[in-house]
Structures are given as structure tokens and as C-alpha cells.
Protein backbone atom coordinates (compact mmCIF):
# COMPACT_ATOMS: atom_id res chain seq x y z
CA MET A 1 -51.24 -0.02 198.92
CA THR A 2 -53.82 2.15 197.19
CA HIS A 3 -54.50 2.65 193.54
CA ALA A 4 -53.00 6.13 193.84
CA ASP A 5 -49.69 4.53 194.82
CA ASP A 6 -49.43 2.58 191.56
CA PRO A 7 -46.28 3.28 189.57
CA GLN A 8 -47.27 5.40 186.60
CA LEU A 9 -45.76 5.70 183.19
CA PRO A 10 -44.88 9.10 181.77
CA GLY A 11 -47.89 10.90 180.37
CA ASP A 12 -51.60 10.53 181.03
CA ASP A 13 -53.40 7.20 180.83
CA THR A 14 -55.81 6.75 177.97
CA ASP A 15 -59.40 5.99 178.90
CA GLU A 16 -58.87 2.43 177.71
CA GLU A 17 -55.78 1.89 179.87
CA GLN A 18 -57.44 3.41 182.92
CA ARG A 19 -60.47 1.16 182.44
CA PHE A 20 -58.17 -1.88 182.15
CA VAL A 21 -56.51 -1.02 185.45
CA GLU A 22 -59.79 -0.29 187.23
CA LEU A 23 -61.36 -3.58 186.14
CA LEU A 24 -58.28 -5.58 187.04
CA MET A 25 -58.09 -3.90 190.44
CA ARG A 26 -61.73 -4.73 191.06
CA ALA A 27 -61.14 -8.34 190.05
CA TYR A 28 -58.05 -8.63 192.24
CA PRO A 29 -58.55 -6.98 195.65
CA GLU A 30 -55.20 -8.44 196.67
CA LEU A 31 -53.50 -5.92 194.40
CA HIS A 32 -53.97 -3.45 197.23
CA ASP A 33 -51.88 -5.63 199.54
CA ASP A 34 -48.14 -5.44 200.02
CA GLU A 35 -47.72 -8.96 198.63
CA PRO A 36 -50.11 -9.36 195.69
CA ASP A 37 -50.85 -12.72 194.08
CA GLU A 38 -49.03 -13.58 190.89
CA LEU A 39 -49.94 -14.42 187.32
CA THR A 40 -48.72 -17.79 186.09
CA ALA A 41 -46.91 -18.48 182.84
CA ALA A 42 -50.21 -19.65 181.33
CA ASP A 43 -51.86 -16.35 182.30
CA LEU A 44 -49.05 -14.36 180.67
CA GLU A 45 -49.43 -16.35 177.46
CA THR A 46 -53.19 -15.84 177.46
CA LEU A 47 -52.73 -12.08 177.85
CA ALA A 48 -50.29 -12.15 174.94
CA ARG A 49 -52.72 -13.97 172.66
CA ILE A 50 -55.66 -11.72 173.40
CA THR A 51 -53.78 -8.42 173.37
CA ALA A 52 -51.69 -9.44 170.33
CA THR A 53 -48.49 -8.68 172.20
CA PRO A 54 -45.42 -10.91 172.32
CA VAL A 55 -45.43 -13.62 174.95
CA ASP A 56 -43.49 -12.43 177.98
CA PRO A 57 -40.15 -14.32 177.96
CA ARG A 58 -40.69 -15.02 181.66
CA ALA A 59 -43.62 -17.21 180.70
CA ARG A 60 -41.24 -19.52 178.84
CA LYS A 61 -39.42 -20.20 182.10
CA GLY A 62 -42.57 -20.82 184.14
CA THR A 63 -41.93 -17.60 186.07
CA ARG A 64 -44.76 -15.99 188.03
CA VAL A 65 -45.31 -12.25 187.65
CA SER A 66 -47.42 -9.89 189.74
CA PRO A 67 -50.62 -8.67 188.08
CA ARG A 68 -49.39 -5.12 188.69
CA LYS A 69 -46.28 -5.78 186.58
CA ALA A 70 -48.41 -7.39 183.87
CA VAL A 71 -50.63 -4.30 183.79
CA ARG A 72 -47.63 -1.99 183.51
CA ASP A 73 -46.18 -4.06 180.67
CA TRP A 74 -49.51 -3.97 178.84
CA LYS A 75 -49.81 -0.21 179.33
CA ARG A 76 -46.27 0.32 178.08
CA HIS A 77 -47.01 -1.66 174.92
CA GLU A 78 -50.27 0.23 174.38
CA ARG A 79 -48.49 3.57 174.77
CA ARG A 80 -45.95 2.63 172.09
CA ARG A 81 -48.64 1.30 169.79
CA GLN A 82 -51.04 4.20 170.21
CA ALA A 83 -48.31 6.71 169.47
CA ALA A 84 -48.81 5.92 165.79
CA VAL A 85 -52.44 4.79 165.79
CA PRO A 86 -55.42 7.18 165.76
CA ARG A 87 -57.42 7.11 169.01
CA ARG A 88 -60.37 4.75 168.82
CA SER A 89 -63.71 5.35 170.42
CA PRO A 90 -64.52 3.51 173.66
CA ALA A 91 -67.17 1.56 171.74
CA VAL A 92 -64.35 -0.29 170.00
CA ALA A 93 -61.71 -0.30 172.71
CA ILE A 94 -63.68 -1.21 175.81
CA PRO A 95 -64.86 -4.67 174.62
CA ALA A 96 -61.22 -5.60 174.15
CA VAL A 97 -60.43 -4.57 177.70
CA VAL A 98 -63.40 -6.49 179.05
CA ALA A 99 -62.30 -9.57 177.10
CA VAL A 100 -58.81 -9.39 178.57
CA VAL A 101 -60.11 -9.03 182.11
CA ALA A 102 -62.63 -11.83 181.60
CA ILE A 103 -59.84 -14.15 180.55
CA VAL A 104 -57.56 -13.21 183.43
CA VAL A 105 -60.37 -13.51 185.96
CA GLY A 106 -61.37 -16.87 184.55
CA LEU A 107 -57.86 -18.28 184.44
CA VAL A 108 -56.63 -16.96 187.79
CA ALA A 109 -59.60 -16.40 190.04
CA VAL A 110 -62.32 -18.78 188.92
CA GLY A 111 -61.55 -21.03 191.87
CA THR A 112 -62.66 -18.27 194.25
CA PHE A 113 -65.97 -17.82 192.44
CA LEU A 114 -67.02 -21.44 192.13
CA ALA A 115 -67.80 -24.00 194.78
CA PRO A 116 -65.61 -27.12 194.45
CA GLU A 117 -68.56 -29.33 193.49
CA ARG A 118 -69.18 -27.12 190.45
CA ALA A 119 -65.57 -27.07 189.30
CA ALA A 120 -66.05 -29.72 186.62
CA ALA A 121 -68.70 -27.55 184.94
CA VAL A 122 -66.53 -24.48 184.45
CA THR A 123 -64.33 -25.87 181.68
CA PRO A 124 -64.99 -27.76 178.47
CA ALA A 125 -65.00 -31.53 178.83
CA PRO A 126 -61.63 -33.16 178.04
CA LEU A 127 -61.41 -34.80 174.64
CA MET A 128 -62.20 -38.53 174.61
CA TYR A 129 -59.12 -40.32 173.31
CA THR A 130 -59.00 -43.86 171.97
CA ASN A 131 -55.84 -45.90 172.13
CA ASP A 132 -53.13 -45.39 169.52
CA SER A 133 -50.40 -48.01 169.76
CA ARG A 134 -47.79 -45.88 168.00
CA SER A 135 -44.88 -44.30 169.85
CA VAL A 136 -44.38 -40.54 169.94
CA ALA A 137 -41.63 -40.92 167.33
CA GLN A 138 -43.96 -42.87 165.04
CA VAL A 139 -46.80 -40.35 165.44
CA LEU A 140 -44.54 -37.40 164.67
CA ASP A 141 -42.75 -39.20 161.83
CA ASP A 142 -46.09 -40.16 160.26
CA ALA A 143 -47.27 -36.55 160.47
CA ALA A 144 -44.03 -35.27 158.95
CA SER A 145 -44.35 -37.82 156.13
CA ALA A 146 -47.90 -36.66 155.40
CA LEU A 147 -46.69 -33.07 155.28
CA ALA A 148 -44.02 -34.02 152.76
CA HIS A 149 -46.73 -34.37 150.12
CA ALA A 150 -47.67 -30.70 150.29
CA PRO A 151 -48.28 -28.89 147.00
CA ALA A 152 -45.33 -26.95 145.63
CA GLY A 153 -45.07 -23.21 146.09
CA GLN A 154 -46.19 -22.90 149.71
CA VAL A 155 -44.83 -19.84 151.51
CA PRO A 156 -45.16 -18.83 155.17
CA ARG A 157 -47.66 -16.04 155.78
CA ARG A 158 -47.56 -13.20 158.28
CA GLU A 159 -50.99 -14.19 159.44
CA SER A 160 -52.63 -16.19 162.21
CA VAL A 161 -56.25 -17.27 162.51
CA SER A 162 -57.09 -19.11 165.72
CA THR A 163 -60.17 -19.95 167.76
CA GLY A 164 -59.96 -20.07 171.56
CA TRP A 165 -62.14 -19.25 174.53
CA TYR A 166 -62.53 -17.45 177.86
CA TYR A 167 -64.78 -17.77 180.89
CA GLU A 168 -67.99 -16.02 181.81
CA VAL A 169 -69.36 -16.99 185.24
CA THR A 170 -73.05 -16.39 185.97
CA GLU A 171 -74.58 -16.68 189.45
CA ASN A 172 -78.03 -18.22 189.59
CA ALA A 173 -80.83 -17.12 191.90
CA ASN A 174 -80.22 -20.11 194.18
CA GLY A 175 -76.58 -19.10 194.70
CA THR A 176 -75.04 -21.72 192.39
CA THR A 177 -72.86 -20.72 189.48
CA ARG A 178 -72.62 -21.72 185.86
CA THR A 179 -70.06 -20.94 183.25
CA VAL A 180 -70.50 -19.97 179.64
CA ILE A 181 -67.68 -21.08 177.38
CA ALA A 182 -67.41 -18.16 174.97
CA PRO A 183 -64.95 -18.96 172.20
CA THR A 184 -63.47 -16.18 170.12
CA THR A 185 -61.83 -16.20 166.70
CA THR A 186 -58.83 -13.92 166.33
CA THR A 187 -57.31 -12.98 163.00
CA VAL A 188 -53.88 -11.35 163.04
CA THR A 189 -52.33 -9.99 159.85
CA TRP A 190 -49.14 -7.97 159.62
CA ALA A 191 -46.50 -6.86 157.15
CA GLU A 192 -42.72 -6.68 156.97
CA ASP A 193 -42.85 -3.04 158.10
CA LEU A 194 -44.68 -4.20 161.27
CA SER A 195 -47.98 -2.63 160.30
CA GLY A 196 -51.02 -4.85 160.60
CA ASN A 197 -54.41 -5.56 162.07
CA THR A 198 -55.92 -7.71 164.82
CA ARG A 199 -59.61 -8.58 164.78
CA THR A 200 -61.44 -10.70 167.36
CA VAL A 201 -65.04 -11.85 166.91
CA ALA A 202 -67.27 -14.04 169.04
CA ALA A 203 -67.65 -17.67 168.06
CA GLN A 204 -70.46 -20.03 169.12
CA PRO A 205 -70.89 -19.92 172.94
CA TYR A 206 -72.24 -22.77 175.04
CA TRP A 207 -72.75 -23.76 178.66
CA ALA A 208 -69.79 -25.60 180.16
CA ASP A 209 -72.22 -28.19 181.57
CA LEU A 210 -73.69 -28.60 178.05
CA GLY A 211 -77.10 -27.34 179.17
CA ASN A 212 -79.61 -26.39 176.49
CA ASP A 213 -81.28 -23.47 178.26
CA ALA A 214 -80.85 -19.87 177.18
CA LEU A 215 -77.48 -18.22 177.58
CA PRO A 216 -77.14 -14.94 179.53
CA ALA A 217 -78.54 -12.03 177.57
CA ASP A 218 -75.18 -10.27 177.47
CA THR A 219 -73.34 -13.24 175.92
CA PRO A 220 -71.94 -12.00 172.57
CA ALA A 221 -73.65 -13.56 169.55
CA PRO A 222 -71.44 -15.40 167.04
CA GLY A 223 -69.82 -12.92 164.69
CA THR A 224 -70.01 -10.02 167.15
CA LEU A 225 -66.94 -7.83 166.83
CA LEU A 226 -65.19 -7.79 170.20
CA TRP A 227 -62.01 -6.03 169.26
CA GLU A 228 -60.28 -4.59 166.24
CA MET A 229 -56.94 -2.82 166.31
CA ALA A 230 -54.86 -1.42 163.46
CA TYR A 231 -51.09 -1.02 163.76
CA GLY A 232 -49.08 1.63 161.99
CA PRO A 233 -45.64 0.83 160.55
CA GLY A 234 -43.33 -0.33 163.30
CA GLU A 235 -46.15 -0.78 165.86
CA PHE A 236 -46.94 -4.49 165.61
CA SER A 237 -44.81 -6.48 168.06
CA THR A 238 -43.42 -9.91 167.28
CA TRP A 239 -40.15 -11.70 167.88
CA TYR A 240 -39.26 -12.68 164.30
CA THR A 241 -39.96 -10.55 161.24
CA ALA A 242 -37.97 -12.06 158.34
CA VAL A 243 -39.64 -14.77 156.26
CA PRO A 244 -38.32 -18.03 157.79
CA GLY A 245 -36.85 -20.80 155.69
CA ASP A 246 -37.86 -24.45 155.87
CA THR A 247 -34.66 -26.19 156.95
CA GLU A 248 -34.33 -27.56 160.46
CA ASP A 249 -31.89 -24.77 161.34
CA ASP A 250 -34.32 -22.16 159.99
CA VAL A 251 -37.24 -23.46 162.03
CA LEU A 252 -35.07 -23.92 165.11
CA ALA A 253 -34.01 -20.26 164.85
CA LEU A 254 -37.67 -19.27 164.54
CA LEU A 255 -38.63 -21.26 167.64
CA ARG A 256 -35.72 -19.82 169.60
CA ALA A 257 -36.89 -16.33 168.74
CA TYR A 258 -40.17 -17.24 170.43
CA GLY A 259 -38.50 -18.41 173.62
CA LEU A 260 -37.17 -21.92 172.97
CA THR A 261 -34.17 -22.62 175.17
CA ASP A 262 -31.33 -25.11 174.87
CA PRO A 263 -31.71 -27.73 176.21
CA ALA A 264 -35.44 -27.83 175.64
CA SER A 265 -38.16 -30.10 176.95
CA ALA A 266 -41.09 -31.26 174.83
CA ALA A 267 -43.26 -28.70 176.63
CA ASP A 268 -40.73 -25.97 175.78
CA VAL A 269 -40.97 -26.88 172.09
CA MET A 270 -44.77 -26.94 172.19
CA THR A 271 -44.87 -23.55 173.91
CA ALA A 272 -42.55 -22.04 171.30
CA ILE A 273 -44.62 -23.51 168.45
CA ASP A 274 -47.75 -22.06 170.04
CA GLY A 275 -46.07 -18.64 170.17
CA VAL A 276 -44.98 -18.84 166.54
CA LEU A 277 -48.48 -19.78 165.38
CA ALA A 278 -49.88 -16.70 167.12
CA ALA A 279 -48.13 -14.62 164.44
CA TRP A 280 -47.31 -16.92 161.52
CA THR A 281 -49.03 -19.47 159.30
CA LEU A 282 -46.26 -21.93 158.49
CA THR A 283 -45.82 -24.11 155.44
CA ASP A 284 -46.22 -27.87 155.66
CA ALA A 285 -42.45 -28.27 155.38
CA GLN A 286 -41.89 -25.89 158.30
CA GLU A 287 -44.48 -27.65 160.47
CA ALA A 288 -42.78 -30.97 159.66
CA GLN A 289 -39.47 -29.55 160.89
CA ALA A 290 -41.14 -28.28 164.06
CA LEU A 291 -42.52 -31.76 164.74
CA ARG A 292 -39.06 -33.28 164.24
CA ILE A 293 -37.61 -30.80 166.73
CA LEU A 294 -40.34 -31.84 169.16
CA GLU A 295 -39.44 -35.49 168.64
CA ASP A 296 -35.78 -34.75 169.39
CA ALA A 297 -36.68 -33.02 172.65
CA GLY A 298 -38.11 -36.18 174.19
CA GLY A 299 -40.38 -36.44 177.22
CA ALA A 300 -43.72 -36.49 175.39
CA ARG A 301 -46.33 -39.25 175.31
CA VAL A 302 -49.13 -40.25 172.96
CA LEU A 303 -52.67 -39.56 174.19
CA GLY A 304 -54.44 -41.37 171.36
CA THR A 305 -56.86 -40.38 168.63
CA ALA A 306 -59.90 -38.17 169.09
CA SER A 307 -62.17 -35.61 167.46
CA ASP A 308 -61.18 -32.06 168.33
CA ARG A 309 -63.64 -29.33 169.31
CA ALA A 310 -64.36 -28.67 165.65
CA GLY A 311 -65.07 -32.36 164.98
CA ARG A 312 -61.81 -33.01 163.10
CA PRO A 313 -59.87 -36.26 163.58
CA VAL A 314 -56.66 -35.61 165.51
CA VAL A 315 -53.86 -37.40 167.33
CA GLY A 316 -52.94 -36.01 170.75
CA VAL A 317 -49.42 -35.74 172.14
CA ALA A 318 -48.88 -34.58 175.74
CA ALA A 319 -45.93 -32.99 177.54
CA PRO A 320 -45.75 -31.99 181.24
CA LEU A 321 -45.56 -28.27 182.01
CA PRO A 322 -43.35 -26.76 184.74
CA GLY A 323 -44.95 -27.03 188.16
CA GLY A 324 -46.13 -30.60 187.80
CA THR A 325 -49.88 -29.93 187.82
CA ALA A 326 -50.61 -29.42 184.12
CA GLU A 327 -49.58 -30.55 180.69
CA GLU A 328 -49.77 -29.21 177.16
CA HIS A 329 -51.65 -31.26 174.59
CA LEU A 330 -50.60 -30.90 170.96
CA LEU A 331 -53.32 -31.86 168.48
CA ILE A 332 -52.11 -33.08 165.08
CA SER A 333 -54.50 -33.50 162.17
CA ALA A 334 -54.94 -37.19 161.36
CA ASP A 335 -55.79 -36.19 157.79
CA THR A 336 -53.02 -33.75 156.90
CA GLY A 337 -50.33 -33.98 159.59
CA ARG A 338 -50.62 -30.25 160.29
CA ILE A 339 -50.83 -28.82 163.78
CA ALA A 340 -54.54 -28.48 164.52
CA GLY A 341 -54.40 -27.01 168.01
CA PHE A 342 -53.18 -26.95 171.59
CA GLU A 343 -54.99 -27.59 174.84
CA THR A 344 -53.80 -27.02 178.40
CA TYR A 345 -54.93 -29.73 180.80
CA THR A 346 -54.55 -30.05 184.57
CA THR A 347 -53.27 -33.38 185.86
CA ALA A 348 -53.66 -32.38 189.52
CA SER A 349 -55.36 -29.62 191.48
CA ASP A 350 -53.18 -26.54 191.89
CA GLY A 351 -55.42 -24.71 194.35
CA THR A 352 -57.12 -22.77 191.56
CA PHE A 353 -58.21 -25.45 189.12
CA PRO A 354 -59.28 -28.99 189.84
CA ALA A 355 -57.54 -31.98 188.31
CA ASN A 356 -58.63 -33.23 184.88
CA ALA A 357 -59.73 -29.80 183.63
CA ILE A 358 -59.17 -28.13 180.27
CA ILE A 359 -58.18 -24.56 181.09
CA SER A 360 -57.59 -23.27 177.55
CA TYR A 361 -57.58 -24.36 173.95
CA ARG A 362 -56.47 -22.91 170.63
CA LEU A 363 -57.43 -24.29 167.20
CA TRP A 364 -55.93 -23.51 163.79
CA ASP A 365 -56.73 -24.30 160.17
CA LEU A 366 -60.47 -24.18 160.70
CA PRO A 367 -62.51 -23.82 157.49
């Protein structure tokens, strides 16, 4: 199959869309085959976070989707969004495209770039947990109790500020490879009329092997604007627009809007919470309800206590993801009880990533 055979949407591609397709095609030669490789649920969720689009419902079911279909979905969303948004210059748009491709390449194809003996140096080191003798129910109940002491007058905000990361792989002169962990901070704000703004800037990068030598010259410096997109009324996409209440039924409805099924596993609840926090900043009371819903789901286990990647004290709770080779780690602030972050961790090699690897993380409530 050639690029010319790709299904096209009505109308001409924008330069940004065409560049997205070209880079993705270059990264995935198998897209030219009759049976292309597929994106995993984790890849679909990563695309959603970086492109500020809703998480594909197929990701909630662990479904794999061809990269070609993911590209078409992204293009379709961009066409709707750009219908009401003035055209931006490539200087603003292209870094966003490069960031998306860098993430997809890192998450899907990094195994083809790196020799197995270097695999441990392409992801951040797992957090070092110390034993916590509490049960999952006790951990979640303690967090909910801490959240009960929140100041009066809190309201949910149509806003999300999170810090995460993507891969950059650099080949050395001797043929070995190293990876730069390049975190980004994304701020999403939106209004009831579905107007809004998404802004992504570079955070502090570092070598995955914790080396102290100079980073590649093209590594974005902290604070560098990577992407900024404005949305006209009706152009921001999210699954729940009304201000949610703080009862259990209210929060359950919110989570279901972001893909929670019934019955739900602990991983299903964590995935839905992650999706909600990509668009909303919840009140303490709402986060307490979400933790109670997680407790009711069952199937989670306590990892212990640790310091997260921002140095904050947290308690980790793990739940197995579909497929049996990875699990989601929920990080709960030991100080406040609020949800501090999520990490995705491999428990076994899946042919792309080795076992015991952190393949993504997201942090909230950073100062």
C-alpha cells in the first residue's frame, strides 16, 4: 500500500496534518504493508493527552487500533477544530506534531531502536517503595478521610495542569543509544461553551541513565513553548461538560462519561480517573468519592510509600491492565490524600518494552 492509497477526508490536508502523516509514515514503514502494526490502548491514551482530544473509547477496552486509523481520527478532529480557529503558522504547529510523533515512536517502536541490553536506560527508574502494612481499603479510606477536611467553597474547575514525558533516542558515535527523558507540562483550560486553550511547555529534561554529560543540542530547554492551541466556541472536545456534583452518583456518572464500564476493574476506574483529570481539576470531595469507587472495584494492591518524581511523599496503589504485561500505579499524596499522579509499569516483557519499566507518568498538583 502506498501513501497515495491512504483514505482521505473531504477537502485538502493542512500543512500540519500532512506533516503529521509524513512523519508517522516515516516512523512506521509497516504502514505501507497490507497488515500494519497496531497502536495499543496506552498509545491511544497518550495521543489523547498530547493532542488534547478525548481518549478513544476503544482504549478503555484494551482494543488495538491501526496507526492509520489513529491518524485519520486525529485528522478528523483537527479538521473540525480548525474550522473555527484561525490558521497558525508552522512555527507554532509543527512542534506539536513532532511532539506527538516522538511520543508514539517512543511508546510503540522504541524496542526496535534500542538493543536489549540498553532497555533499562530508556525509561525513568521505577519509584523505590517502602513497605506499608495497610490494606488497599485502609489506604483509600485514610486518603478519603484526609480529603474530608478540605476548606469550604471548593468547586471543580474546567482546567488541567499535568506534567508527563516522552522519549528522545540519540545514537552515539559507537553505535550505542541513549534516551533523553523530556518531560512536558500541559495546561488545558476550557469553558462551558467548549472554547479554551491548550499550552505545552518543556520541563526539565534528563538522561534516562542519569548521566551528567550534556544533553543533545536540540533538546528543548525548560519553559520552551512546544505547542499552543486555542479553541473557538464548540471546538474543544471532552466527554462531560456540566459542572459535576460531589455525591458518589455524581462522580460515578462523570467517570462513566470518560469510559468507565459496569462491572469495572480497579484498572478501569484508574483509567477513567486519569481521563477525567486530563480535563478537570476536581474538588477534594470529588476525589474522595473517586477513591471510594476505586475501593469498591477491588483487585488493587498496595505498593508502599515513596517519593514521587517531584519529591513529594506518596502512597502507591497498583492495578493490572488488560493484557497481563503492565499495571497502572495510582499515586496518592501522603500529605493531602489527593491524587498526585499515575504511572504505567511493565510487569513482563511484551516484545516492545522490557519488564520492570516505567513507560509513562503523569503528575498533578505540582506547585
